[in-house]
Amino acid sequence: QAPGKEREFVAAIRRISNEVVYANSA
């Protein structure tokens, strides 16, 4: 979350499968 902006997704690693997901910015 940057100043004055909404919280945004960056990256995740899912449970069990360990699949990774990234935002375009990351």
mmCIF file of all heavy atoms, coordinates in Angstrom:
data_MODEL
# 
_entry.id   MODEL 
# 
loop_
_atom_site.group_PDB 
_atom_site.id 
_atom_site.type_symbol 
_atom_site.label_atom_id 
_atom_site.label_alt_id 
_atom_site.label_comp_id 
_atom_site.label_asym_id 
_atom_site.label_entity_id 
_atom_site.label_seq_id 
_atom_site.pdbx_PDB_ins_code 
_atom_site.Cartn_x 
_atom_site.Cartn_y 
_atom_site.Cartn_z 
_atom_site.occupancy 
_atom_site.B_iso_or_equiv 
_atom_site.pdbx_formal_charge 
_atom_site.auth_seq_id 
_atom_site.auth_comp_id 
_atom_site.auth_asym_id 
_atom_site.auth_atom_id 
_atom_site.pdbx_PDB_model_num 
ATOM 1   N N   . GLN A 1 1  ? 0.839   -1.185  0.000   1.00 0.00 ? 1  GLN A N   1 
ATOM 2   C CA  . GLN A 1 1  ? 0.000   0.000   0.000   1.00 0.00 ? 1  GLN A CA  1 
ATOM 3   C C   . GLN A 1 1  ? 0.878   1.240   0.000   1.00 0.00 ? 1  GLN A C   1 
ATOM 4   O O   . GLN A 1 1  ? 1.643   1.470   0.939   1.00 0.00 ? 1  GLN A O   1 
ATOM 5   C CB  . GLN A 1 1  ? -0.937  0.012   1.208   1.00 0.00 ? 1  GLN A CB  1 
ATOM 6   C CG  . GLN A 1 1  ? -1.968  1.125   1.168   1.00 0.00 ? 1  GLN A CG  1 
ATOM 7   C CD  . GLN A 1 1  ? -3.100  0.908   2.158   1.00 0.00 ? 1  GLN A CD  1 
ATOM 8   O OE1 . GLN A 1 1  ? -2.943  0.176   3.138   1.00 0.00 ? 1  GLN A OE1 1 
ATOM 9   N NE2 . GLN A 1 1  ? -4.240  1.521   1.898   1.00 0.00 ? 1  GLN A NE2 1 
ATOM 10  N N   . ALA A 1 2  ? 0.775   2.021   -1.064  1.00 0.00 ? 2  ALA A N   1 
ATOM 11  C CA  . ALA A 1 2  ? 1.502   3.273   -1.181  1.00 0.00 ? 2  ALA A CA  1 
ATOM 12  C C   . ALA A 1 2  ? 0.671   4.400   -0.584  1.00 0.00 ? 2  ALA A C   1 
ATOM 13  O O   . ALA A 1 2  ? -0.556  4.294   -0.489  1.00 0.00 ? 2  ALA A O   1 
ATOM 14  C CB  . ALA A 1 2  ? 1.819   3.558   -2.647  1.00 0.00 ? 2  ALA A CB  1 
ATOM 15  N N   . PRO A 1 3  ? 1.311   5.510   -0.189  1.00 0.00 ? 3  PRO A N   1 
ATOM 16  C CA  . PRO A 1 3  ? 0.557   6.632   0.380   1.00 0.00 ? 3  PRO A CA  1 
ATOM 17  C C   . PRO A 1 3  ? -0.542  7.121   -0.559  1.00 0.00 ? 3  PRO A C   1 
ATOM 18  O O   . PRO A 1 3  ? -0.300  7.358   -1.745  1.00 0.00 ? 3  PRO A O   1 
ATOM 19  C CB  . PRO A 1 3  ? 1.629   7.704   0.576   1.00 0.00 ? 3  PRO A CB  1 
ATOM 20  C CG  . PRO A 1 3  ? 2.894   6.932   0.736   1.00 0.00 ? 3  PRO A CG  1 
ATOM 21  C CD  . PRO A 1 3  ? 2.753   5.760   -0.187  1.00 0.00 ? 3  PRO A CD  1 
ATOM 22  N N   . GLY A 1 4  ? -1.751  7.249   -0.032  1.00 0.00 ? 4  GLY A N   1 
ATOM 23  C CA  . GLY A 1 4  ? -2.870  7.742   -0.809  1.00 0.00 ? 4  GLY A CA  1 
ATOM 24  C C   . GLY A 1 4  ? -3.494  6.746   -1.758  1.00 0.00 ? 4  GLY A C   1 
ATOM 25  O O   . GLY A 1 4  ? -4.410  7.099   -2.501  1.00 0.00 ? 4  GLY A O   1 
ATOM 26  N N   . LYS A 1 5  ? -3.023  5.502   -1.748  1.00 0.00 ? 5  LYS A N   1 
ATOM 27  C CA  . LYS A 1 5  ? -3.548  4.483   -2.649  1.00 0.00 ? 5  LYS A CA  1 
ATOM 28  C C   . LYS A 1 5  ? -4.129  3.309   -1.870  1.00 0.00 ? 5  LYS A C   1 
ATOM 29  O O   . LYS A 1 5  ? -3.875  3.142   -0.683  1.00 0.00 ? 5  LYS A O   1 
ATOM 30  C CB  . LYS A 1 5  ? -2.454  3.987   -3.595  1.00 0.00 ? 5  LYS A CB  1 
ATOM 31  C CG  . LYS A 1 5  ? -1.928  5.041   -4.551  1.00 0.00 ? 5  LYS A CG  1 
ATOM 32  C CD  . LYS A 1 5  ? -0.970  4.445   -5.562  1.00 0.00 ? 5  LYS A CD  1 
ATOM 33  C CE  . LYS A 1 5  ? -0.515  5.474   -6.575  1.00 0.00 ? 5  LYS A CE  1 
ATOM 34  N NZ  . LYS A 1 5  ? 0.405   4.878   -7.586  1.00 0.00 ? 5  LYS A NZ  1 
ATOM 35  N N   . GLU A 1 6  ? -4.934  2.503   -2.570  1.00 0.00 ? 6  GLU A N   1 
ATOM 36  C CA  . GLU A 1 6  ? -5.513  1.314   -1.960  1.00 0.00 ? 6  GLU A CA  1 
ATOM 37  C C   . GLU A 1 6  ? -4.491  0.188   -1.897  1.00 0.00 ? 6  GLU A C   1 
ATOM 38  O O   . GLU A 1 6  ? -3.529  0.156   -2.665  1.00 0.00 ? 6  GLU A O   1 
ATOM 39  C CB  . GLU A 1 6  ? -6.743  0.860   -2.745  1.00 0.00 ? 6  GLU A CB  1 
ATOM 40  C CG  . GLU A 1 6  ? -7.888  1.852   -2.726  1.00 0.00 ? 6  GLU A CG  1 
ATOM 41  C CD  . GLU A 1 6  ? -9.118  1.341   -3.447  1.00 0.00 ? 6  GLU A CD  1 
ATOM 42  O OE1 . GLU A 1 6  ? -9.038  0.291   -4.110  1.00 0.00 ? 6  GLU A OE1 1 
ATOM 43  O OE2 . GLU A 1 6  ? -10.163 1.989   -3.336  1.00 0.00 ? 6  GLU A OE2 1 
ATOM 44  N N   . ARG A 1 7  ? -4.713  -0.729  -0.974  1.00 0.00 ? 7  ARG A N   1 
ATOM 45  C CA  . ARG A 1 7  ? -3.849  -1.889  -0.860  1.00 0.00 ? 7  ARG A CA  1 
ATOM 46  C C   . ARG A 1 7  ? -3.973  -2.755  -2.110  1.00 0.00 ? 7  ARG A C   1 
ATOM 47  O O   . ARG A 1 7  ? -5.083  -3.009  -2.592  1.00 0.00 ? 7  ARG A O   1 
ATOM 48  C CB  . ARG A 1 7  ? -4.218  -2.691  0.385   1.00 0.00 ? 7  ARG A CB  1 
ATOM 49  C CG  . ARG A 1 7  ? -3.243  -3.790  0.735   1.00 0.00 ? 7  ARG A CG  1 
ATOM 50  C CD  . ARG A 1 7  ? -3.514  -4.337  2.144   1.00 0.00 ? 7  ARG A CD  1 
ATOM 51  N NE  . ARG A 1 7  ? -3.369  -3.291  3.150   1.00 0.00 ? 7  ARG A NE  1 
ATOM 52  C CZ  . ARG A 1 7  ? -3.448  -3.514  4.454   1.00 0.00 ? 7  ARG A CZ  1 
ATOM 53  N NH1 . ARG A 1 7  ? -3.658  -4.739  4.920   1.00 0.00 ? 7  ARG A NH1 1 
ATOM 54  N NH2 . ARG A 1 7  ? -3.316  -2.500  5.307   1.00 0.00 ? 7  ARG A NH2 1 
ATOM 55  N N   . GLU A 1 8  ? -2.835  -3.206  -2.648  1.00 0.00 ? 8  GLU A N   1 
ATOM 56  C CA  . GLU A 1 8  ? -2.854  -3.995  -3.871  1.00 0.00 ? 8  GLU A CA  1 
ATOM 57  C C   . GLU A 1 8  ? -2.071  -5.294  -3.719  1.00 0.00 ? 8  GLU A C   1 
ATOM 58  O O   . GLU A 1 8  ? -1.093  -5.374  -2.978  1.00 0.00 ? 8  GLU A O   1 
ATOM 59  C CB  . GLU A 1 8  ? -2.297  -3.192  -5.054  1.00 0.00 ? 8  GLU A CB  1 
ATOM 60  C CG  . GLU A 1 8  ? -0.818  -2.862  -4.953  1.00 0.00 ? 8  GLU A CG  1 
ATOM 61  C CD  . GLU A 1 8  ? -0.270  -2.202  -6.212  1.00 0.00 ? 8  GLU A CD  1 
ATOM 62  O OE1 . GLU A 1 8  ? -1.035  -2.039  -7.188  1.00 0.00 ? 8  GLU A OE1 1 
ATOM 63  O OE2 . GLU A 1 8  ? 0.925   -1.851  -6.222  1.00 0.00 ? 8  GLU A OE2 1 
ATOM 64  N N   . PHE A 1 9  ? -2.516  -6.293  -4.455  1.00 0.00 ? 9  PHE A N   1 
ATOM 65  C CA  . PHE A 1 9  ? -1.880  -7.593  -4.464  1.00 0.00 ? 9  PHE A CA  1 
ATOM 66  C C   . PHE A 1 9  ? -0.521  -7.539  -5.151  1.00 0.00 ? 9  PHE A C   1 
ATOM 67  O O   . PHE A 1 9  ? -0.351  -6.833  -6.146  1.00 0.00 ? 9  PHE A O   1 
ATOM 68  C CB  . PHE A 1 9  ? -2.790  -8.598  -5.183  1.00 0.00 ? 9  PHE A CB  1 
ATOM 69  C CG  . PHE A 1 9  ? -2.134  -9.910  -5.487  1.00 0.00 ? 9  PHE A CG  1 
ATOM 70  C CD1 . PHE A 1 9  ? -1.900  -10.834 -4.489  1.00 0.00 ? 9  PHE A CD1 1 
ATOM 71  C CD2 . PHE A 1 9  ? -1.747  -10.221 -6.780  1.00 0.00 ? 9  PHE A CD2 1 
ATOM 72  C CE1 . PHE A 1 9  ? -1.299  -12.049 -4.762  1.00 0.00 ? 9  PHE A CE1 1 
ATOM 73  C CE2 . PHE A 1 9  ? -1.151  -11.429 -7.074  1.00 0.00 ? 9  PHE A CE2 1 
ATOM 74  C CZ  . PHE A 1 9  ? -0.923  -12.341 -6.059  1.00 0.00 ? 9  PHE A CZ  1 
ATOM 75  N N   . VAL A 1 10 ? 0.448   -8.285  -4.627  1.00 0.00 ? 10 VAL A N   1 
ATOM 76  C CA  . VAL A 1 10 ? 1.781   -8.353  -5.212  1.00 0.00 ? 10 VAL A CA  1 
ATOM 77  C C   . VAL A 1 10 ? 2.118   -9.775  -5.671  1.00 0.00 ? 10 VAL A C   1 
ATOM 78  O O   . VAL A 1 10 ? 2.432   -10.003 -6.838  1.00 0.00 ? 10 VAL A O   1 
ATOM 79  C CB  . VAL A 1 10 ? 2.859   -7.865  -4.230  1.00 0.00 ? 10 VAL A CB  1 
ATOM 80  C CG1 . VAL A 1 10 ? 4.250   -8.026  -4.835  1.00 0.00 ? 10 VAL A CG1 1 
ATOM 81  C CG2 . VAL A 1 10 ? 2.605   -6.411  -3.843  1.00 0.00 ? 10 VAL A CG2 1 
ATOM 82  N N   . ALA A 1 11 ? 2.058   -10.729 -4.756  1.00 0.00 ? 11 ALA A N   1 
ATOM 83  C CA  . ALA A 1 11 ? 2.444   -12.105 -5.070  1.00 0.00 ? 11 ALA A CA  1 
ATOM 84  C C   . ALA A 1 11 ? 1.826   -13.060 -4.063  1.00 0.00 ? 11 ALA A C   1 
ATOM 85  O O   . ALA A 1 11 ? 1.533   -12.680 -2.930  1.00 0.00 ? 11 ALA A O   1 
ATOM 86  C CB  . ALA A 1 11 ? 3.965   -12.258 -5.065  1.00 0.00 ? 11 ALA A CB  1 
ATOM 87  N N   . ALA A 1 12 ? 1.630   -14.317 -4.475  1.00 0.00 ? 12 ALA A N   1 
ATOM 88  C CA  . ALA A 1 12 ? 1.071   -15.323 -3.586  1.00 0.00 ? 12 ALA A CA  1 
ATOM 89  C C   . ALA A 1 12 ? 1.619   -16.697 -3.918  1.00 0.00 ? 12 ALA A C   1 
ATOM 90  O O   . ALA A 1 12 ? 2.020   -16.970 -5.057  1.00 0.00 ? 12 ALA A O   1 
ATOM 91  C CB  . ALA A 1 12 ? -0.453  -15.346 -3.671  1.00 0.00 ? 12 ALA A CB  1 
ATOM 92  N N   . ILE A 1 13 ? 1.633   -17.558 -2.920  1.00 0.00 ? 13 ILE A N   1 
ATOM 93  C CA  . ILE A 1 13 ? 1.943   -18.972 -3.104  1.00 0.00 ? 13 ILE A CA  1 
ATOM 94  C C   . ILE A 1 13 ? 0.808   -19.751 -2.452  1.00 0.00 ? 13 ILE A C   1 
ATOM 95  O O   . ILE A 1 13 ? 0.542   -19.607 -1.259  1.00 0.00 ? 13 ILE A O   1 
ATOM 96  C CB  . ILE A 1 13 ? 3.331   -19.335 -2.536  1.00 0.00 ? 13 ILE A CB  1 
ATOM 97  C CG1 . ILE A 1 13 ? 3.632   -20.813 -2.768  1.00 0.00 ? 13 ILE A CG1 1 
ATOM 98  C CG2 . ILE A 1 13 ? 3.464   -18.954 -1.069  1.00 0.00 ? 13 ILE A CG2 1 
ATOM 99  C CD1 . ILE A 1 13 ? 5.107   -21.153 -2.587  1.00 0.00 ? 13 ILE A CD1 1 
ATOM 100 N N   . ARG A 1 14 ? 0.108   -20.544 -3.258  1.00 0.00 ? 14 ARG A N   1 
ATOM 101 C CA  . ARG A 1 14 ? -1.102  -21.206 -2.794  1.00 0.00 ? 14 ARG A CA  1 
ATOM 102 C C   . ARG A 1 14 ? -0.819  -22.414 -1.915  1.00 0.00 ? 14 ARG A C   1 
ATOM 103 O O   . ARG A 1 14 ? 0.227   -23.051 -2.021  1.00 0.00 ? 14 ARG A O   1 
ATOM 104 C CB  . ARG A 1 14 ? -1.956  -21.619 -3.997  1.00 0.00 ? 14 ARG A CB  1 
ATOM 105 C CG  . ARG A 1 14 ? -2.568  -20.429 -4.721  1.00 0.00 ? 14 ARG A CG  1 
ATOM 106 C CD  . ARG A 1 14 ? -3.594  -20.841 -5.733  1.00 0.00 ? 14 ARG A CD  1 
ATOM 107 N NE  . ARG A 1 14 ? -4.345  -19.697 -6.218  1.00 0.00 ? 14 ARG A NE  1 
ATOM 108 C CZ  . ARG A 1 14 ? -5.333  -19.766 -7.093  1.00 0.00 ? 14 ARG A CZ  1 
ATOM 109 N NH1 . ARG A 1 14 ? -5.691  -20.957 -7.589  1.00 0.00 ? 14 ARG A NH1 1 
ATOM 110 N NH2 . ARG A 1 14 ? -5.963  -18.671 -7.475  1.00 0.00 ? 14 ARG A NH2 1 
ATOM 111 N N   . ARG A 1 15 ? -1.788  -22.712 -1.046  1.00 0.00 ? 15 ARG A N   1 
ATOM 112 C CA  . ARG A 1 15 ? -1.666  -23.857 -0.154  1.00 0.00 ? 15 ARG A CA  1 
ATOM 113 C C   . ARG A 1 15 ? -1.714  -25.171 -0.938  1.00 0.00 ? 15 ARG A C   1 
ATOM 114 O O   . ARG A 1 15 ? -2.315  -25.237 -2.009  1.00 0.00 ? 15 ARG A O   1 
ATOM 115 C CB  . ARG A 1 15 ? -2.768  -23.833 0.913   1.00 0.00 ? 15 ARG A CB  1 
ATOM 116 C CG  . ARG A 1 15 ? -4.175  -24.017 0.359   1.00 0.00 ? 15 ARG A CG  1 
ATOM 117 C CD  . ARG A 1 15 ? -5.225  -23.654 1.395   1.00 0.00 ? 15 ARG A CD  1 
ATOM 118 N NE  . ARG A 1 15 ? -6.570  -23.908 0.903   1.00 0.00 ? 15 ARG A NE  1 
ATOM 119 C CZ  . ARG A 1 15 ? -7.338  -24.915 1.260   1.00 0.00 ? 15 ARG A CZ  1 
ATOM 120 N NH1 . ARG A 1 15 ? -6.894  -25.787 2.162   1.00 0.00 ? 15 ARG A NH1 1 
ATOM 121 N NH2 . ARG A 1 15 ? -8.554  -25.055 0.758   1.00 0.00 ? 15 ARG A NH2 1 
ATOM 122 N N   . ILE A 1 16 ? -1.087  -26.176 -0.427  1.00 0.00 ? 16 ILE A N   1 
ATOM 123 C CA  . ILE A 1 16 ? -1.063  -27.545 -0.954  1.00 0.00 ? 16 ILE A CA  1 
ATOM 124 C C   . ILE A 1 16 ? -0.324  -27.643 -2.285  1.00 0.00 ? 16 ILE A C   1 
ATOM 125 O O   . ILE A 1 16 ? 0.672   -28.367 -2.406  1.00 0.00 ? 16 ILE A O   1 
ATOM 126 C CB  . ILE A 1 16 ? -2.487  -28.137 -1.102  1.00 0.00 ? 16 ILE A CB  1 
ATOM 127 C CG1 . ILE A 1 16 ? -3.288  -27.950 0.189   1.00 0.00 ? 16 ILE A CG1 1 
ATOM 128 C CG2 . ILE A 1 16 ? -2.400  -29.614 -1.489  1.00 0.00 ? 16 ILE A CG2 1 
ATOM 129 C CD1 . ILE A 1 16 ? -2.653  -28.589 1.408   1.00 0.00 ? 16 ILE A CD1 1 
ATOM 130 N N   . SER A 1 17 ? -0.797  -26.925 -3.316  1.00 0.00 ? 17 SER A N   1 
ATOM 131 C CA  . SER A 1 17 ? -0.196  -27.018 -4.638  1.00 0.00 ? 17 SER A CA  1 
ATOM 132 C C   . SER A 1 17 ? 1.102   -26.231 -4.758  1.00 0.00 ? 17 SER A C   1 
ATOM 133 O O   . SER A 1 17 ? 1.929   -26.528 -5.620  1.00 0.00 ? 17 SER A O   1 
ATOM 134 C CB  . SER A 1 17 ? -1.175  -26.534 -5.702  1.00 0.00 ? 17 SER A CB  1 
ATOM 135 O OG  . SER A 1 17 ? -1.325  -25.121 -5.655  1.00 0.00 ? 17 SER A OG  1 
ATOM 136 N N   . ASN A 1 18 ? 1.265   -25.201 -3.937  1.00 0.00 ? 18 ASN A N   1 
ATOM 137 C CA  . ASN A 1 18 ? 2.409   -24.288 -3.991  1.00 0.00 ? 18 ASN A CA  1 
ATOM 138 C C   . ASN A 1 18 ? 2.493   -23.521 -5.306  1.00 0.00 ? 18 ASN A C   1 
ATOM 139 O O   . ASN A 1 18 ? 3.560   -23.031 -5.674  1.00 0.00 ? 18 ASN A O   1 
ATOM 140 C CB  . ASN A 1 18 ? 3.717   -25.031 -3.727  1.00 0.00 ? 18 ASN A CB  1 
ATOM 141 C CG  . ASN A 1 18 ? 3.826   -25.541 -2.309  1.00 0.00 ? 18 ASN A CG  1 
ATOM 142 O OD1 . ASN A 1 18 ? 3.489   -24.834 -1.360  1.00 0.00 ? 18 ASN A OD1 1 
ATOM 143 N ND2 . ASN A 1 18 ? 4.296   -26.766 -2.153  1.00 0.00 ? 18 ASN A ND2 1 
ATOM 144 N N   . GLU A 1 19 ? 1.372   -23.424 -6.000  1.00 0.00 ? 19 GLU A N   1 
ATOM 145 C CA  . GLU A 1 19 ? 1.303   -22.617 -7.212  1.00 0.00 ? 19 GLU A CA  1 
ATOM 146 C C   . GLU A 1 19 ? 1.571   -21.154 -6.858  1.00 0.00 ? 19 GLU A C   1 
ATOM 147 O O   . GLU A 1 19 ? 1.064   -20.639 -5.857  1.00 0.00 ? 19 GLU A O   1 
ATOM 148 C CB  . GLU A 1 19 ? -0.065  -22.759 -7.862  1.00 0.00 ? 19 GLU A CB  1 
ATOM 149 C CG  . GLU A 1 19 ? -0.205  -22.045 -9.200  1.00 0.00 ? 19 GLU A CG  1 
ATOM 150 C CD  . GLU A 1 19 ? 0.439   -22.802 -10.333 1.00 0.00 ? 19 GLU A CD  1 
ATOM 151 O OE1 . GLU A 1 19 ? 0.658   -24.024 -10.190 1.00 0.00 ? 19 GLU A OE1 1 
ATOM 152 O OE2 . GLU A 1 19 ? 0.726   -22.181 -11.378 1.00 0.00 ? 19 GLU A OE2 1 
ATOM 153 N N   . VAL A 1 20 ? 2.371   -20.471 -7.679  1.00 0.00 ? 20 VAL A N   1 
ATOM 154 C CA  . VAL A 1 20 ? 2.683   -19.070 -7.431  1.00 0.00 ? 20 VAL A CA  1 
ATOM 155 C C   . VAL A 1 20 ? 1.895   -18.183 -8.384  1.00 0.00 ? 20 VAL A C   1 
ATOM 156 O O   . VAL A 1 20 ? 1.645   -18.546 -9.534  1.00 0.00 ? 20 VAL A O   1 
ATOM 157 C CB  . VAL A 1 20 ? 4.188   -18.785 -7.548  1.00 0.00 ? 20 VAL A CB  1 
ATOM 158 C CG1 . VAL A 1 20 ? 4.950   -19.553 -6.485  1.00 0.00 ? 20 VAL A CG1 1 
ATOM 159 C CG2 . VAL A 1 20 ? 4.701   -19.150 -8.930  1.00 0.00 ? 20 VAL A CG2 1 
ATOM 160 N N   . VAL A 1 21 ? 1.502   -17.014 -7.889  1.00 0.00 ? 21 VAL A N   1 
ATOM 161 C CA  . VAL A 1 21 ? 0.743   -16.048 -8.663  1.00 0.00 ? 21 VAL A CA  1 
ATOM 162 C C   . VAL A 1 21 ? 1.364   -14.677 -8.441  1.00 0.00 ? 21 VAL A C   1 
ATOM 163 O O   . VAL A 1 21 ? 1.672   -14.307 -7.305  1.00 0.00 ? 21 VAL A O   1 
ATOM 164 C CB  . VAL A 1 21 ? -0.744  -16.016 -8.256  1.00 0.00 ? 21 VAL A CB  1 
ATOM 165 C CG1 . VAL A 1 21 ? -1.524  -15.048 -9.138  1.00 0.00 ? 21 VAL A CG1 1 
ATOM 166 C CG2 . VAL A 1 21 ? -1.351  -17.409 -8.337  1.00 0.00 ? 21 VAL A CG2 1 
ATOM 167 N N   . TYR A 1 22 ? 1.554   -13.911 -9.529  1.00 0.00 ? 22 TYR A N   1 
ATOM 168 C CA  . TYR A 1 22 ? 2.153   -12.588 -9.436  1.00 0.00 ? 22 TYR A CA  1 
ATOM 169 C C   . TYR A 1 22 ? 1.281   -11.532 -10.089 1.00 0.00 ? 22 TYR A C   1 
ATOM 170 O O   . TYR A 1 22 ? 0.648   -11.785 -11.118 1.00 0.00 ? 22 TYR A O   1 
ATOM 171 C CB  . TYR A 1 22 ? 3.522   -12.558 -10.114 1.00 0.00 ? 22 TYR A CB  1 
ATOM 172 C CG  . TYR A 1 22 ? 4.569   -13.414 -9.447  1.00 0.00 ? 22 TYR A CG  1 
ATOM 173 C CD1 . TYR A 1 22 ? 4.911   -14.651 -9.977  1.00 0.00 ? 22 TYR A CD1 1 
ATOM 174 C CD2 . TYR A 1 22 ? 5.221   -12.971 -8.303  1.00 0.00 ? 22 TYR A CD2 1 
ATOM 175 C CE1 . TYR A 1 22 ? 5.872   -15.437 -9.373  1.00 0.00 ? 22 TYR A CE1 1 
ATOM 176 C CE2 . TYR A 1 22 ? 6.186   -13.759 -7.691  1.00 0.00 ? 22 TYR A CE2 1 
ATOM 177 C CZ  . TYR A 1 22 ? 6.512   -14.983 -8.225  1.00 0.00 ? 22 TYR A CZ  1 
ATOM 178 O OH  . TYR A 1 22 ? 7.474   -15.768 -7.623  1.00 0.00 ? 22 TYR A OH  1 
ATOM 179 N N   . ALA A 1 23 ? 1.275   -10.349 -9.503  1.00 0.00 ? 23 ALA A N   1 
ATOM 180 C CA  . ALA A 1 23 ? 0.710   -9.197  -10.178 1.00 0.00 ? 23 ALA A CA  1 
ATOM 181 C C   . ALA A 1 23 ? 1.627   -8.805  -11.332 1.00 0.00 ? 23 ALA A C   1 
ATOM 182 O O   . ALA A 1 23 ? 2.820   -9.129  -11.331 1.00 0.00 ? 23 ALA A O   1 
ATOM 183 C CB  . ALA A 1 23 ? 0.560   -8.028  -9.205  1.00 0.00 ? 23 ALA A CB  1 
ATOM 184 N N   . ASN A 1 24 ? 1.069   -8.104  -12.319 1.00 0.00 ? 24 ASN A N   1 
ATOM 185 C CA  . ASN A 1 24 ? 1.886   -7.679  -13.454 1.00 0.00 ? 24 ASN A CA  1 
ATOM 186 C C   . ASN A 1 24 ? 3.072   -6.823  -13.015 1.00 0.00 ? 24 ASN A C   1 
ATOM 187 O O   . ASN A 1 24 ? 4.152   -6.894  -13.606 1.00 0.00 ? 24 ASN A O   1 
ATOM 188 C CB  . ASN A 1 24 ? 1.031   -6.920  -14.466 1.00 0.00 ? 24 ASN A CB  1 
ATOM 189 C CG  . ASN A 1 24 ? 0.100   -7.830  -15.241 1.00 0.00 ? 24 ASN A CG  1 
ATOM 190 O OD1 . ASN A 1 24 ? 0.374   -9.014  -15.411 1.00 0.00 ? 24 ASN A OD1 1 
ATOM 191 N ND2 . ASN A 1 24 ? -1.008  -7.274  -15.703 1.00 0.00 ? 24 ASN A ND2 1 
ATOM 192 N N   . SER A 1 25 ? 2.879   -6.021  -11.986 1.00 0.00 ? 25 SER A N   1 
ATOM 193 C CA  . SER A 1 25 ? 3.941   -5.149  -11.501 1.00 0.00 ? 25 SER A CA  1 
ATOM 194 C C   . SER A 1 25 ? 5.106   -5.929  -10.892 1.00 0.00 ? 25 SER A C   1 
ATOM 195 O O   . SER A 1 25 ? 6.221   -5.405  -10.805 1.00 0.00 ? 25 SER A O   1 
ATOM 196 C CB  . SER A 1 25 ? 3.382   -4.166  -10.473 1.00 0.00 ? 25 SER A CB  1 
ATOM 197 O OG  . SER A 1 25 ? 2.823   -4.857  -9.364  1.00 0.00 ? 25 SER A OG  1 
ATOM 198 N N   . ALA A 1 26 ? 4.846   -7.167  -10.467 1.00 0.00 ? 26 ALA A N   1 
ATOM 199 C CA  . ALA A 1 26 ? 5.860   -7.981  -9.810  1.00 0.00 ? 26 ALA A CA  1 
ATOM 200 C C   . ALA A 1 26 ? 6.471   -9.036  -10.717 1.00 0.00 ? 26 ALA A C   1 
ATOM 201 O O   . ALA A 1 26 ? 7.581   -9.522  -10.444 1.00 0.00 ? 26 ALA A O   1 
ATOM 202 C CB  . ALA A 1 26 ? 5.264   -8.666  -8.583  1.00 0.00 ? 26 ALA A CB  1 
# 
